[in-house]
Protein backbone atom coordinates (compact mmCIF):
# COMPACT_ATOMS: atom_id res chain seq x y z
CA MET A 1 27.71 -22.43 3.00
CA PRO A 2 29.22 -25.70 4.36
CA GLY A 3 26.41 -28.80 3.86
CA LEU A 4 25.37 -32.32 4.45
CA ILE A 5 24.46 -34.18 1.68
CA GLN A 6 21.67 -36.53 2.59
CA LYS A 7 19.98 -39.03 0.29
CA SER A 8 17.08 -41.59 1.21
CA GLY A 9 14.90 -44.66 -0.33
CA TYR A 10 13.07 -47.51 1.76
CA ILE A 11 13.01 -51.66 1.33
CA ARG A 12 9.69 -53.24 1.03
CA PRO A 13 9.24 -55.34 3.56
CA GLY A 14 10.74 -58.86 1.76
CA ASN A 15 12.44 -57.32 -0.48
CA GLY A 16 15.83 -58.05 0.88
CA GLY A 17 16.61 -55.35 3.77
CA GLY A 18 18.71 -58.27 5.52
CA HIS A 19 20.86 -58.60 2.50
CA TYR A 20 21.34 -54.44 2.07
CA ALA A 21 22.54 -54.44 5.92
CA GLU A 22 25.23 -56.93 4.95
CA TYR A 23 25.89 -54.81 2.03
CA ILE A 24 26.58 -51.65 3.79
CA ALA A 25 28.21 -53.59 6.36
CA THR A 26 31.41 -55.38 4.30
CA ARG A 27 31.49 -53.84 1.36
CA GLU A 28 35.27 -52.22 0.18
CA GLY A 29 35.72 -48.70 1.64
CA VAL A 30 33.82 -50.34 4.94
CA GLU A 31 35.66 -49.08 8.14
CA LEU A 32 35.95 -51.91 10.13
CA ILE A 33 34.29 -52.98 13.78
CA GLU A 34 34.82 -56.25 15.29
CA ALA A 35 31.90 -57.84 15.83
CA PRO A 36 30.66 -60.11 19.23
CA SER A 37 31.31 -63.77 19.18
CA HIS A 38 27.79 -65.71 19.35
CA SER A 39 27.53 -69.53 19.56
CA HIS A 40 24.63 -71.41 17.39
CA ASP A 41 22.77 -74.51 16.89
CA GLY A 42 22.48 -76.17 13.97
CA GLY A 43 25.02 -78.17 12.07
CA GLY A 44 23.73 -76.15 8.65
CA TYR A 45 23.73 -72.68 10.60
CA LEU A 46 27.13 -73.24 12.18
CA GLU A 47 28.60 -73.81 8.88
CA TYR A 48 26.47 -71.01 7.16
CA MET A 49 28.21 -69.23 9.82
CA ALA A 50 31.99 -70.37 8.93
CA GLN A 51 32.39 -69.13 5.51
CA ARG A 52 31.30 -65.22 6.66
CA PRO A 53 33.64 -62.52 7.64
CA ARG A 54 33.71 -62.14 11.29
CA SER A 55 34.62 -58.69 10.94
CA HIS A 56 32.47 -56.12 9.48
CA GLY A 57 31.33 -51.78 10.09
CA LEU A 58 28.09 -51.95 10.93
CA PHE A 59 26.80 -50.29 14.51
CA SER A 60 24.11 -48.87 16.11
CA ALA A 61 23.28 -47.06 19.27
CA ASN A 62 24.49 -49.40 21.71
CA GLY A 63 28.01 -49.85 19.29
CA PRO A 64 28.74 -52.54 17.20
CA ALA A 65 26.35 -54.08 15.75
CA ASP A 66 25.88 -58.33 15.78
CA LEU A 67 25.16 -58.14 11.87
CA GLU A 68 23.63 -61.80 11.84
CA LYS A 69 21.05 -60.42 14.46
CA THR A 70 20.22 -57.21 13.00
CA MET A 71 20.52 -59.00 9.59
CA ALA A 72 17.18 -62.18 10.91
CA GLU A 73 15.52 -58.71 12.29
CA ILE A 74 15.32 -56.60 9.19
CA ASN A 75 14.02 -59.88 7.25
CA GLY A 76 12.17 -60.54 9.43
CA HIS A 77 10.21 -57.12 9.84
CA THR A 78 6.73 -56.78 7.98
CA GLY A 79 6.66 -53.30 7.32
CA PRO A 80 8.91 -50.66 5.62
CA VAL A 81 13.09 -50.14 6.39
CA TRP A 82 13.76 -46.78 5.51
CA THR A 83 17.67 -46.01 4.65
CA PHE A 84 19.67 -42.84 3.60
CA ILE A 85 22.95 -41.66 2.96
CA TYR A 86 24.62 -38.99 4.82
CA SER A 87 27.89 -37.81 2.98
CA LEU A 88 30.41 -34.64 3.69
CA LYS A 89 33.23 -33.69 0.81
CA ARG A 90 36.00 -35.08 2.42
CA GLU A 91 37.89 -31.75 3.36
CA ASP A 92 35.13 -31.23 6.00
CA ALA A 93 34.88 -34.61 6.70
CA HIS A 94 38.62 -34.18 7.63
CA ARG A 95 38.50 -30.35 9.33
CA LEU A 96 35.93 -31.55 11.57
CA GLY A 97 36.58 -34.81 12.89
CA TYR A 98 33.95 -37.18 10.66
CA GLU A 99 36.37 -39.63 9.27
CA ASN A 100 35.40 -42.61 11.58
CA SER A 101 32.69 -43.88 12.89
CA GLU A 102 32.48 -43.21 16.33
CA SER A 103 31.58 -39.43 15.47
CA TRP A 104 29.25 -40.82 13.47
CA ARG A 105 28.02 -42.89 15.65
CA ARG A 106 27.92 -40.46 17.69
CA LEU A 107 26.08 -37.57 15.82
CA LEU A 108 23.47 -40.27 15.38
CA LEU A 109 23.14 -41.22 18.77
CA ALA A 110 23.33 -37.19 20.26
CA HIS A 111 20.16 -36.88 17.31
CA GLN A 112 17.84 -40.34 17.64
CA THR A 113 15.13 -38.45 19.43
CA GLU A 114 14.76 -35.65 16.76
CA LEU A 115 15.36 -37.90 13.84
CA ALA A 116 12.10 -40.67 15.76
CA THR A 117 9.91 -37.67 15.66
CA ALA A 118 10.70 -36.15 11.83
CA MET A 119 10.07 -40.03 10.86
CA LYS A 120 6.73 -40.13 12.79
CA ILE A 121 8.20 -42.78 14.93
CA PRO A 122 7.79 -42.81 19.17
CA PRO A 123 11.07 -42.93 20.36
CA SER A 124 10.80 -46.12 22.18
CA SER A 125 10.10 -48.00 19.09
CA PHE A 126 13.51 -45.85 16.87
CA ARG A 127 15.80 -48.72 15.82
CA TRP A 128 19.02 -48.15 13.25
CA CYS A 129 22.21 -48.80 12.34
CA ALA A 130 24.64 -47.98 9.90
CA ALA A 131 28.08 -48.26 8.22
CA PHE A 132 31.00 -45.70 7.86
CA HIS A 133 32.85 -45.86 4.50
CA ASP A 134 35.35 -43.75 3.99
CA GLU A 135 35.45 -42.91 0.49
CA LYS A 136 38.52 -40.92 -0.98
CA HIS A 137 36.23 -37.74 -2.00
CA HIS A 138 32.85 -38.10 0.69
CA PRO A 139 33.44 -39.78 3.88
CA HIS A 140 29.58 -41.44 4.05
CA ILE A 141 27.38 -43.60 6.16
CA HIS A 142 24.85 -45.97 4.91
CA MET A 143 21.97 -45.83 7.73
CA MET A 144 19.13 -48.05 8.25
CA VAL A 145 15.95 -47.30 10.08
CA TRP A 146 13.21 -49.35 10.97
CA SER A 147 10.06 -49.03 14.20
CA VAL A 148 9.39 -51.71 16.64
CA ASP A 149 5.94 -51.12 15.50
CA PRO A 150 5.51 -51.96 11.47
CA LYS A 151 3.18 -49.96 11.23
CA GLN A 152 4.80 -46.71 12.17
CA GLY A 153 6.99 -44.61 10.65
CA TYR A 154 5.91 -41.93 7.78
CA LEU A 155 8.21 -39.53 6.01
CA THR A 156 7.53 -36.87 4.17
CA GLU A 157 9.53 -34.54 2.17
CA LYS A 158 9.67 -31.40 5.14
CA GLY A 159 10.66 -34.58 7.61
CA ILE A 160 14.03 -35.57 5.18
CA GLU A 161 14.78 -32.40 5.80
CA LYS A 162 14.01 -31.73 9.22
CA MET A 163 16.70 -34.79 9.06
CA ARG A 164 18.86 -33.21 7.35
CA SER A 165 19.01 -30.12 9.10
CA GLN A 166 19.01 -31.42 12.70
CA LEU A 167 22.29 -33.27 11.71
CA SER A 168 24.05 -30.20 9.25
CA ASN A 169 23.62 -28.44 12.83
CA GLU A 170 25.48 -30.26 14.66
CA ILE A 171 28.56 -31.25 12.32
CA PHE A 172 28.82 -27.69 11.57
CA ARG A 173 27.44 -25.81 14.82
CA ASP A 174 31.05 -23.75 15.63
CA GLU A 175 31.33 -23.00 11.44
CA LEU A 176 27.62 -21.94 11.64
CA LEU A 177 28.33 -19.72 14.73
CA SER A 178 31.32 -17.77 12.78
CA LEU A 179 29.16 -17.26 9.64
CA TYR A 180 25.81 -16.22 11.34
CA GLN A 181 28.79 -13.60 13.57
CA GLN A 182 30.24 -12.18 9.93
CA LYS A 183 26.72 -11.91 8.49
CA ASP A 184 25.21 -10.08 11.29
CA LEU A 185 27.68 -7.53 10.99
CA SER A 186 26.57 -7.08 7.12
CA TYR A 187 23.36 -7.28 8.49
CA SER A 188 23.25 -4.83 10.61
CA GLN A 189 25.50 -2.26 7.62
CA VAL A 190 21.82 -3.42 6.12
CA ARG A 191 19.48 -3.11 8.09
CA ASP A 192 20.60 -0.09 9.51
CA ALA A 193 20.80 2.44 5.87
CA ALA A 194 17.49 0.30 5.00
CA THR A 195 16.08 1.36 8.00
CA GLU A 196 17.00 5.13 8.07
CA ALA A 197 16.40 5.30 4.00
CA MET A 198 12.52 3.69 4.84
CA GLY A 199 11.86 5.62 7.76
CA ARG A 200 12.98 9.18 5.27
CA LEU A 201 10.39 7.42 2.51
CA ILE A 202 7.76 6.79 4.95
CA ARG A 203 7.66 10.22 6.23
CA GLU A 204 7.29 11.76 2.54
CA MET A 205 4.63 9.44 2.31
CA GLU A 206 2.63 10.24 5.10
CA THR A 207 3.21 13.66 4.45
CA GLY A 208 3.13 13.96 0.44
CA LEU A 209 0.45 14.15 -2.71
CA CYS A 210 0.12 11.78 -5.49
CA HIS A 211 -1.30 13.23 -8.62
CA SER A 212 -2.20 9.93 -10.99
CA PRO A 213 -4.53 10.03 -13.49
CA VAL A 214 -4.48 6.33 -14.29
CA ILE A 215 -4.79 5.92 -10.79
CA ALA A 216 -7.82 8.03 -10.21
CA GLU A 217 -9.19 6.16 -13.76
CA GLN A 218 -8.78 3.23 -12.34
CA MET A 219 -10.50 4.00 -8.68
CA GLU A 220 -13.44 5.27 -11.08
CA THR A 221 -13.25 1.89 -12.76
CA LEU A 222 -13.28 -0.23 -9.26
CA ALA A 223 -16.03 1.54 -7.55
CA GLY A 224 -18.34 0.98 -10.20
CA MET A 225 -17.29 -2.71 -10.31
CA LEU A 226 -18.31 -2.67 -6.42
CA GLU A 227 -22.28 -0.95 -7.45
CA GLU A 228 -22.44 -4.59 -9.65
CA HIS A 229 -20.81 -6.92 -6.74
CA LYS A 230 -22.25 -5.88 -3.53
CA GLY A 231 -21.28 -8.01 -0.47
CA LYS A 232 -18.63 -8.68 1.95
CA LYS A 233 -16.77 -11.41 -0.49
CA VAL A 234 -16.62 -8.91 -3.33
CA TYR A 235 -12.75 -9.39 -3.32
CA SER A 236 -13.38 -13.01 -3.78
CA LYS A 237 -14.84 -11.71 -7.48
CA LYS A 238 -12.12 -12.39 -10.47
CA PRO A 239 -12.40 -8.97 -12.06
CA VAL A 240 -12.43 -7.21 -8.63
CA LYS A 241 -8.96 -8.98 -7.54
CA ALA A 242 -7.62 -8.23 -11.23
CA GLN A 243 -8.70 -4.85 -10.68
CA VAL A 244 -7.52 -4.50 -7.05
CA ASP A 245 -3.68 -5.84 -7.77
CA ALA A 246 -3.76 -3.87 -11.23
CA ILE A 247 -3.63 -0.67 -8.28
CA VAL A 248 -1.65 -1.68 -6.23
CA ASP A 249 0.79 -2.76 -8.74
CA GLU A 250 0.26 1.09 -10.10
CA LEU A 251 1.01 2.60 -7.08
CA ALA A 252 3.97 0.63 -6.63
CA LYS A 253 5.47 2.58 -9.16
CA VAL A 254 5.00 6.21 -7.49
CA PRO A 255 8.76 6.29 -6.68
CA GLU A 256 8.42 7.01 -2.67
CA ILE A 257 6.92 3.29 -2.61
CA ALA A 258 8.94 1.78 -5.27
CA GLN A 259 12.24 2.84 -3.29
CA CYS A 260 10.69 1.82 -0.12
CA TYR A 261 9.59 -1.31 -1.59
CA GLU A 262 13.02 -1.89 -2.76
CA GLN A 263 14.69 -1.10 0.77
CA TRP A 264 12.47 -3.52 2.55
CA ASN A 265 13.39 -6.17 -0.29
CA ARG A 266 17.16 -5.04 0.45
CA LEU A 267 15.97 -5.78 4.21
CA ARG A 268 14.24 -9.26 3.72
CA ASP A 269 16.66 -10.34 1.39
CA GLU A 270 19.87 -9.90 3.98
CA LEU A 271 17.68 -11.74 6.89
CA GLU A 272 16.80 -14.43 4.76
CA TYR A 273 20.74 -14.62 3.88
CA TYR A 274 21.87 -14.98 7.60
CA TYR A 275 20.41 -18.47 7.35
CA LYS A 276 19.01 -19.79 3.80
CA ASP A 277 21.75 -20.32 0.97
CA VAL A 278 18.66 -20.18 -2.15
CA PRO A 279 17.38 -16.51 -3.18
CA ARG A 280 14.41 -14.94 -2.14
CA GLU A 281 11.85 -14.18 -4.85
CA HIS A 282 11.05 -10.92 -4.91
CA LEU A 283 7.14 -10.43 -5.85
CA PRO A 284 4.90 -7.84 -6.76
CA LEU A 285 4.02 -5.60 -4.23
CA SER A 286 0.19 -6.99 -5.24
CA GLN A 287 1.30 -10.55 -4.45
CA GLN A 288 3.45 -9.74 -1.14
CA LYS A 289 1.68 -11.43 1.23
CA GLU A 290 2.85 -8.68 4.46
CA PHE A 291 1.01 -5.75 2.46
CA LYS A 292 -2.02 -7.22 1.86
CA ALA A 293 -3.92 -4.97 3.82
CA ILE A 294 -2.74 -2.40 0.96
CA LYS A 295 -6.17 -4.20 -0.90
CA ASN A 296 -8.51 -3.61 2.02
CA MET A 297 -7.91 -0.29 1.95
CA VAL A 298 -8.43 -0.03 -1.99
CA ILE A 299 -11.47 -1.39 -1.62
CA ARG A 300 -12.12 0.41 1.09
CA GLU A 301 -11.50 4.10 -1.05
CA ALA A 302 -12.91 3.12 -3.70
CA GLU A 303 -16.48 1.93 -1.41
CA ARG A 304 -15.97 5.82 -0.43
CA LEU A 305 -15.95 6.73 -3.89
CA ARG A 306 -19.12 4.61 -4.81
CA LEU A 307 -21.09 6.22 -2.09
CA GLY A 308 -19.61 10.19 -2.84
CA THR A 309 -18.39 10.15 0.78
CA PHE A 310 -17.12 13.60 1.37
CA THR A 311 -13.77 14.14 3.37
CA PHE A 312 -11.84 16.72 5.30
CA GLU A 313 -8.05 15.34 4.84
CA ASP A 314 -7.37 17.21 8.66
CA ALA A 315 -5.72 13.52 9.95
CA ARG A 316 -2.58 15.97 10.89
CA MET A 317 -4.89 18.65 12.11
CA ARG A 318 -3.19 20.26 15.42
CA ASP A 319 -5.88 22.17 17.19
CA GLU A 320 -4.76 22.09 20.79
CA VAL A 321 -6.29 25.22 21.89
CA ASP A 322 -4.52 27.22 24.64
CA GLU A 323 -5.91 30.28 26.87
CA ASP A 324 -7.35 33.44 24.81
CA GLN A 325 -5.33 36.37 25.42
CA ASP A 326 -8.28 38.57 27.22
CA ALA A 327 -8.07 35.21 29.90
CA VAL A 328 -4.50 35.73 30.65
CA TYR A 329 -4.99 39.64 30.52
CA PHE A 330 -7.81 39.68 33.39
CA THR A 331 -6.04 37.04 35.67
CA TRP A 332 -2.74 39.04 35.43
CA ASN A 333 -5.23 42.19 36.63
CA SER A 334 -7.10 40.22 39.15
CA ASN A 335 -4.28 38.68 41.04
CA TRP A 336 -1.00 39.29 39.34
CA ARG A 337 1.05 37.10 42.30
CA MET A 338 -1.08 34.04 41.50
CA ALA A 339 -1.17 34.68 38.22
CA GLU A 340 2.38 33.97 38.20
CA ILE A 341 2.72 30.83 40.15
CA TYR A 342 0.37 29.70 37.40
CA GLN A 343 2.41 30.71 34.73
CA SER A 344 5.07 29.20 36.54
CA ALA A 345 2.97 26.02 36.94
CA LYS A 346 2.15 25.98 33.22
CA GLU A 347 5.51 26.52 31.39
CA VAL A 348 7.01 23.58 33.45
CA LEU A 349 3.83 20.98 33.22
CA GLU A 350 4.38 21.66 29.16
CA GLU A 351 7.90 20.85 29.18
CA TYR A 352 8.16 16.93 28.59
CA GLU A 353 11.49 16.44 30.25
CA ASN A 354 10.63 17.47 33.64
CA PRO A 355 10.53 14.96 36.28
CA GLU A 356 6.99 13.50 37.17
CA VAL A 357 7.56 14.84 40.53
CA GLU A 358 7.98 18.35 40.05
CA LYS A 359 5.35 18.01 37.65
CA ALA A 360 3.05 16.62 40.54
CA GLU A 361 4.34 19.74 42.71
CA GLN A 362 2.41 22.42 40.06
CA VAL A 363 -0.77 20.33 39.88
CA ARG A 364 -1.11 20.61 43.70
CA ALA A 365 -0.43 24.43 43.23
CA LEU A 366 -2.50 24.74 41.20
CA GLU A 367 -5.17 23.36 42.74
CA GLN A 368 -4.70 25.62 45.43
CA LEU A 369 -5.25 28.56 42.70
CA TRP A 370 -8.33 27.14 42.66
CA GLN A 371 -9.03 26.81 46.18
CA ARG A 372 -8.56 30.67 46.43
CA GLY A 373 -10.93 31.44 43.38
CA PHE A 374 -8.30 31.37 40.26
CA SER A 375 -10.51 29.57 38.00
CA LEU A 376 -8.35 29.48 34.79
CA ALA A 377 -6.77 27.01 37.13
CA THR A 378 -9.31 24.82 36.15
CA TYR A 379 -8.80 24.44 32.40
CA GLN A 380 -4.98 23.41 33.18
CA LEU A 381 -5.68 20.93 35.92
CA GLY A 382 -8.29 19.06 33.04
CA LYS A 383 -4.78 18.72 30.82
CA CYS A 384 -3.43 17.46 33.51
CA TRP A 385 -5.50 14.69 34.15
CA ARG A 386 -6.86 14.35 30.35
CA ASP A 387 -2.87 13.82 29.58
CA GLY A 388 -0.92 12.36 32.49
CA ARG A 389 0.74 15.04 33.15
CA GLY A 390 1.82 15.00 37.32
CA VAL A 391 -1.00 12.35 37.77
CA LEU A 392 -2.30 9.53 36.24
CA PRO A 393 -4.32 9.67 32.77
CA ASP A 394 -8.16 9.92 34.38
CA ASP A 395 -10.97 10.80 31.94
CA GLU A 396 -13.29 11.34 34.87
CA ARG A 397 -11.61 13.89 36.90
CA ALA A 398 -9.95 15.24 33.40
CA GLU A 399 -14.19 15.79 32.57
CA LEU A 400 -14.76 17.18 36.31
CA TRP A 401 -12.07 19.94 35.77
CA PHE A 402 -13.10 20.49 31.83
CA ARG A 403 -16.39 21.54 33.03
CA ARG A 404 -15.68 24.10 36.00
CA ALA A 405 -13.81 25.47 33.43
CA ALA A 406 -16.38 25.86 30.69
CA ASP A 407 -18.82 27.08 33.04
CA ALA A 408 -17.11 29.90 34.02
CA GLU A 409 -17.05 30.53 30.32
CA TYR A 410 -13.88 29.48 28.74
CA ASP A 411 -14.76 28.63 25.12
CA PHE A 412 -11.49 26.91 25.00
CA ALA A 413 -12.41 24.79 27.78
CA GLN A 414 -15.87 24.72 25.79
CA TYR A 415 -14.27 23.19 23.31
CA ALA A 416 -11.19 20.99 25.22
CA LEU A 417 -14.56 19.42 27.06
CA GLY A 418 -16.67 18.96 23.83
CA LYS A 419 -13.60 16.88 22.19
CA LEU A 420 -13.76 14.63 25.11
CA LEU A 421 -17.08 13.89 24.87
CA GLN A 422 -16.93 12.90 21.97
CA SER A 423 -14.00 11.00 22.28
CA GLN A 424 -16.00 8.67 24.50
CA ASN A 425 -19.10 9.07 21.87
CA ARG A 426 -21.03 11.05 23.86
CA ILE A 427 -22.35 13.32 20.97
CA ASP A 428 -24.98 15.19 22.10
CA GLU A 429 -23.23 16.54 25.02
CA ALA A 430 -20.12 17.10 22.47
CA VAL A 431 -22.15 19.23 20.42
CA SER A 432 -23.85 21.38 22.58
CA TRP A 433 -20.47 22.16 24.44
CA TYR A 434 -19.13 22.88 20.50
CA GLU A 435 -22.34 25.15 20.12
CA LYS A 436 -21.11 27.39 23.28
CA ALA A 437 -17.58 27.79 22.42
CA ALA A 438 -18.27 28.71 18.93
CA ALA A 439 -21.28 31.29 19.89
CA GLN A 440 -17.89 33.05 21.48
CA GLY A 441 -16.09 32.90 17.92
CA SER A 442 -14.30 29.51 18.70
CA SER A 443 -13.17 28.38 14.77
CA TRP A 444 -12.31 24.96 16.23
CA ALA A 445 -15.30 24.63 17.41
CA SER A 446 -17.60 25.50 14.44
CA TYR A 447 -15.29 23.48 12.43
CA ARG A 448 -15.67 20.49 14.41
CA VAL A 449 -19.94 21.08 14.69
CA GLY A 450 -19.83 22.09 10.80
CA LYS A 451 -18.39 18.51 10.51
CA LEU A 452 -20.87 16.52 12.61
CA TYR A 453 -23.68 17.82 10.76
CA LEU A 454 -22.15 17.46 6.97
CA GLU A 455 -20.89 13.78 7.99
CA GLY A 456 -24.70 13.19 8.97
CA LYS A 457 -23.64 9.56 11.25
CA ASP A 458 -23.30 11.08 14.69
CA VAL A 459 -26.34 13.68 14.36
CA PRO A 460 -29.19 13.82 11.38
CA LYS A 461 -27.52 15.74 8.95
CA ASP A 462 -28.34 19.08 8.34
CA ALA A 463 -26.33 20.63 5.30
CA PRO A 464 -27.49 23.83 5.82
CA LYS A 465 -26.52 23.98 9.25
CA ALA A 466 -23.03 22.83 8.39
CA MET A 467 -22.61 25.11 5.97
CA ALA A 468 -23.34 28.18 8.13
CA TYR A 469 -21.11 26.36 11.04
CA LEU A 470 -17.85 26.05 8.38
CA THR A 471 -18.56 29.38 6.69
CA GLU A 472 -17.94 31.15 10.12
CA SER A 473 -14.97 29.03 11.25
CA ALA A 474 -13.58 29.60 7.66
CA GLU A 475 -14.23 33.55 8.03
CA HIS A 476 -12.19 33.19 12.09
CA GLY A 477 -9.11 31.64 9.63
CA ASN A 478 -9.18 27.93 9.79
CA GLN A 479 -7.62 26.51 7.48
CA TYR A 480 -9.30 23.48 7.68
CA ALA A 481 -12.80 24.63 7.34
CA GLN A 482 -11.84 26.84 4.43
CA TYR A 483 -10.46 23.84 2.11
CA ALA A 484 -13.54 21.95 3.41
CA LEU A 485 -15.36 24.58 1.65
CA GLY A 486 -13.37 24.60 -0.88
CA LYS A 487 -13.95 21.33 -1.91
CA LEU A 488 -17.62 21.84 -1.12
CA TYR A 489 -18.37 25.05 -3.55
CA LEU A 490 -15.76 23.28 -6.35
CA THR A 491 -18.30 19.83 -6.81
CA GLY A 492 -21.83 21.56 -5.77
CA GLN A 493 -22.16 18.83 -3.27
CA ASP A 494 -24.51 19.92 -0.26
CA VAL A 495 -24.08 24.15 -1.55
CA LYS A 496 -24.79 25.05 -5.21
CA GLN A 497 -21.67 24.84 -7.48
CA ASP A 498 -18.79 28.32 -7.02
CA ARG A 499 -15.95 27.19 -8.93
CA GLU A 500 -15.10 30.59 -8.03
CA GLN A 501 -15.34 31.11 -4.11
CA SER A 502 -13.59 27.23 -4.30
CA TRP A 503 -10.76 28.77 -5.92
CA GLU A 504 -11.26 31.86 -3.12
CA TYR A 505 -11.30 29.43 -0.51
CA PHE A 506 -8.53 26.76 -1.26
CA CYS A 507 -6.40 30.05 -1.71
CA GLN A 508 -7.12 30.89 1.67
CA SER A 509 -6.02 27.87 2.85
CA ALA A 510 -3.24 27.66 0.86
CA GLU A 511 -1.56 30.72 1.90
CA GLN A 512 -2.03 28.99 6.23
CA GLY A 513 0.08 26.05 4.76
CA ASN A 514 -2.65 23.65 3.80
CA GLU A 515 -0.72 21.48 1.40
CA TYR A 516 -4.10 19.71 -0.09
CA ALA A 517 -5.54 23.26 -1.28
CA ALA A 518 -2.12 24.18 -2.58
CA PHE A 519 -2.65 20.63 -4.24
CA PHE A 520 -6.26 21.81 -6.24
CA LEU A 521 -5.10 25.02 -7.05
CA GLU A 522 -2.09 23.19 -8.82
CA HIS A 523 -4.45 20.80 -10.62
CA PHE A 524 -7.96 22.90 -10.16
CA ASP A 525 -9.07 22.58 -13.94
CA GLN A 526 -8.19 18.17 -13.25
CA ALA A 527 -10.26 17.80 -10.34
CA GLY A 528 -13.86 17.31 -11.24
CA ARG A 529 -14.45 15.03 -8.53
CA PRO A 530 -12.03 15.38 -5.53
CA ASN A 531 -12.29 11.96 -3.57
CA VAL A 532 -11.56 10.44 -7.25
CA PHE A 533 -8.12 13.60 -7.74
CA LEU A 534 -7.28 12.07 -3.90
CA SER A 535 -7.40 8.53 -4.15
CA ALA A 536 -4.09 7.72 -4.83
CA THR A 537 -2.99 10.42 -2.20
CA ARG A 538 -5.23 8.37 0.17
CA LEU A 539 -3.65 5.42 -0.81
CA LEU A 540 -0.12 6.53 -0.82
CA HIS A 541 -0.69 7.52 2.92
CA HIS A 542 -2.63 3.67 3.88
CA LEU A 543 0.52 2.92 2.50
CA SER A 544 2.67 4.34 4.56
CA GLN A 545 1.57 3.08 7.61
CA ILE A 546 1.65 0.32 6.09
CA PHE A 547 5.16 0.53 5.44
CA ARG A 548 5.82 1.31 8.95
CA ASP A 549 4.00 -1.58 10.54
CA ASN A 550 6.17 -3.75 8.31
CA SER A 551 9.72 -1.58 8.60
CA VAL A 552 11.16 -2.84 12.01
CA PRO A 553 14.13 -5.08 11.49
CA PRO A 554 12.95 -9.10 13.76
CA ALA A 555 15.10 -9.04 16.93
CA ALA A 556 17.08 -11.60 15.47
CA PRO A 557 17.53 -13.75 12.51
CA VAL A 558 16.21 -17.24 12.43
CA GLY A 559 19.49 -18.85 11.37
CA GLN A 560 20.56 -17.22 15.00
CA ARG A 561 17.12 -18.64 17.17
CA VAL A 562 17.91 -21.55 15.98
CA ASP A 563 21.62 -21.83 16.45
CA ARG A 564 21.70 -20.83 19.87
CA LYS A 565 18.33 -23.12 20.74
CA LEU A 566 21.02 -25.72 18.97
CA ARG A 567 24.15 -24.27 21.22
CA GLN A 568 21.80 -24.59 24.14
CA LYS A 569 20.94 -28.33 23.85
CA ILE A 570 25.19 -29.11 23.46
CA GLN A 571 25.83 -27.49 26.55
CA GLU A 572 23.06 -29.53 28.75
CA LYS A 573 24.79 -32.81 26.87
CA LYS A 574 28.23 -31.93 27.97
CA ILE A 575 26.80 -31.23 31.85
CA ALA A 576 25.29 -34.04 31.80
CA MET A 577 27.98 -36.08 31.01
CA GLY A 578 29.96 -34.55 34.31
CA HIS A 579 31.19 -31.06 32.36
CA LYS A 580 31.34 -27.93 34.18
CA PRO A 581 28.11 -25.47 33.78
CA ASP A 582 30.81 -23.00 32.34
CA ASP A 583 33.01 -25.63 31.30
CA HIS A 584 32.39 -24.57 27.73
CA GLU A 585 35.04 -23.59 24.75
CA GLU A 586 33.32 -20.60 24.28
CA THR A 587 30.95 -18.30 25.30
CA PRO A 588 27.90 -18.19 22.96
CA ARG A 589 26.75 -14.30 22.64
CA GLN A 590 23.15 -13.96 24.30
CA ASP A 591 22.05 -11.17 21.63
CA ILE A 592 24.18 -10.51 18.70
CA GLY A 593 24.29 -7.38 17.33
CA GLY A 594 22.54 -5.91 20.55
CA MET A 595 19.20 -6.41 18.51
CA THR A 596 15.41 -5.35 20.82
CA MET A 597 13.00 -4.28 18.29
CA GLY A 598 10.74 -7.07 16.89
CA TRP A 599 9.49 -7.58 12.96
């Protein structure tokens, strides 16, 4: 990328600042500016003046500077005076019109407020002078800066870079825009390819299973360390921190994670190339700040191992229950015409693409059916208000309709009501409705209530009752209950260990497509402690979400945002100078690449 070379220094009070001003104003190669003439009293001073050259190259914000007056001011200044050299390659200076003092003076004048701010000097106190030297290979200016108040002014490395960046962006603004446009095409191509690849890999992580004896052993070790170092500050302990980092780095070797992290780095590399020249460092996953959340996940999973917390692996469970065949058969036989209207309304409501106006009509049709005694309509109305089909979501109204359907002894409605109440943390009521649905043969209700009694978080733990409900659910073909029982009988947790029974339940669950059950069958002889065995898989799934959170490309690279601000300032200055608002050399693009997503 083209650049502006900047060198900086300072002169202490009494160390010849005025002579330095004279030097830069009169040295060989300076572009001479006719200095204004002045009359002075005092023979000695007049004699001194007569021996000095009247032509020099010093200029300031107001144009040609008075060299003698400037020297006197600097010599009498009791604070530091900063010196800067700004240099361009000859070809850049020629191409961009920076081969004379006036072009440099306009540049400094346009940005003196920003320069003052970078030096922590109030703009009203900011003073500067400079001279242009037309050197063969590197045309440059010498600049001197000070504050009216000698106590003001402070320059840091960050401030120095800010000054260079402000002037460089102005000098190269048109070429930077062209460069951004070229880079944007490359960025867009990489972004699209990387996003597509990451999306595929993230989906694989979300559904994948990971068998890693190394991670399992590391997690068991970490769980033991947590037993020794309890408390919220546990991660600050060096051995724990090192163990967590080791686990994350081992996770990074998992093919899906390694490939996804590679794509993520590719995206970030392209983004930084957009506005930086220095390649970014590729850190290990454990040291990448955007992914630090995985460390908390590792600690959390290790704590679960330490406590022996039972897990169910049912996050992707789909348990939306429809009317059973008995209810449908009864409605058709009781009033086939109303049943036909009901079925038609249900089909319209379940089609996501249908307009909300049409769905609202079907809600009214269902309400009319209920008023005419068609009780099954209440269940669909509960779903409408719960999910916002044809109406705005309203849990209170959803509960009202579900309760009417539940009172009519529909087990699927009792189960739906139980789930709604559980989501509101009304556990006792939820359990009551689950148990009523379970008594009518609902495998999902049996599974839910069995899970609650086994966990013992929201209701008192009751292992025998939990086993009874889970067994009932499994006998009705529920794959999640079958899987849970497989794990329980494998370890003998809350039940007498029975590996043969465990194998049977895993087989039943796997036959219905449960990948976790199949995973245990594949490694049955290695799975001593299921939670340890599954630790790598659970971390894989956690990482998939963290990657998803960090995979969305930014709205616009930082360089483009900076450049847009720069061009806006230029436009404002042109208008202030008398240009019409639409009188600009080129129309700036408002949103390069049409990127609208946020990082």
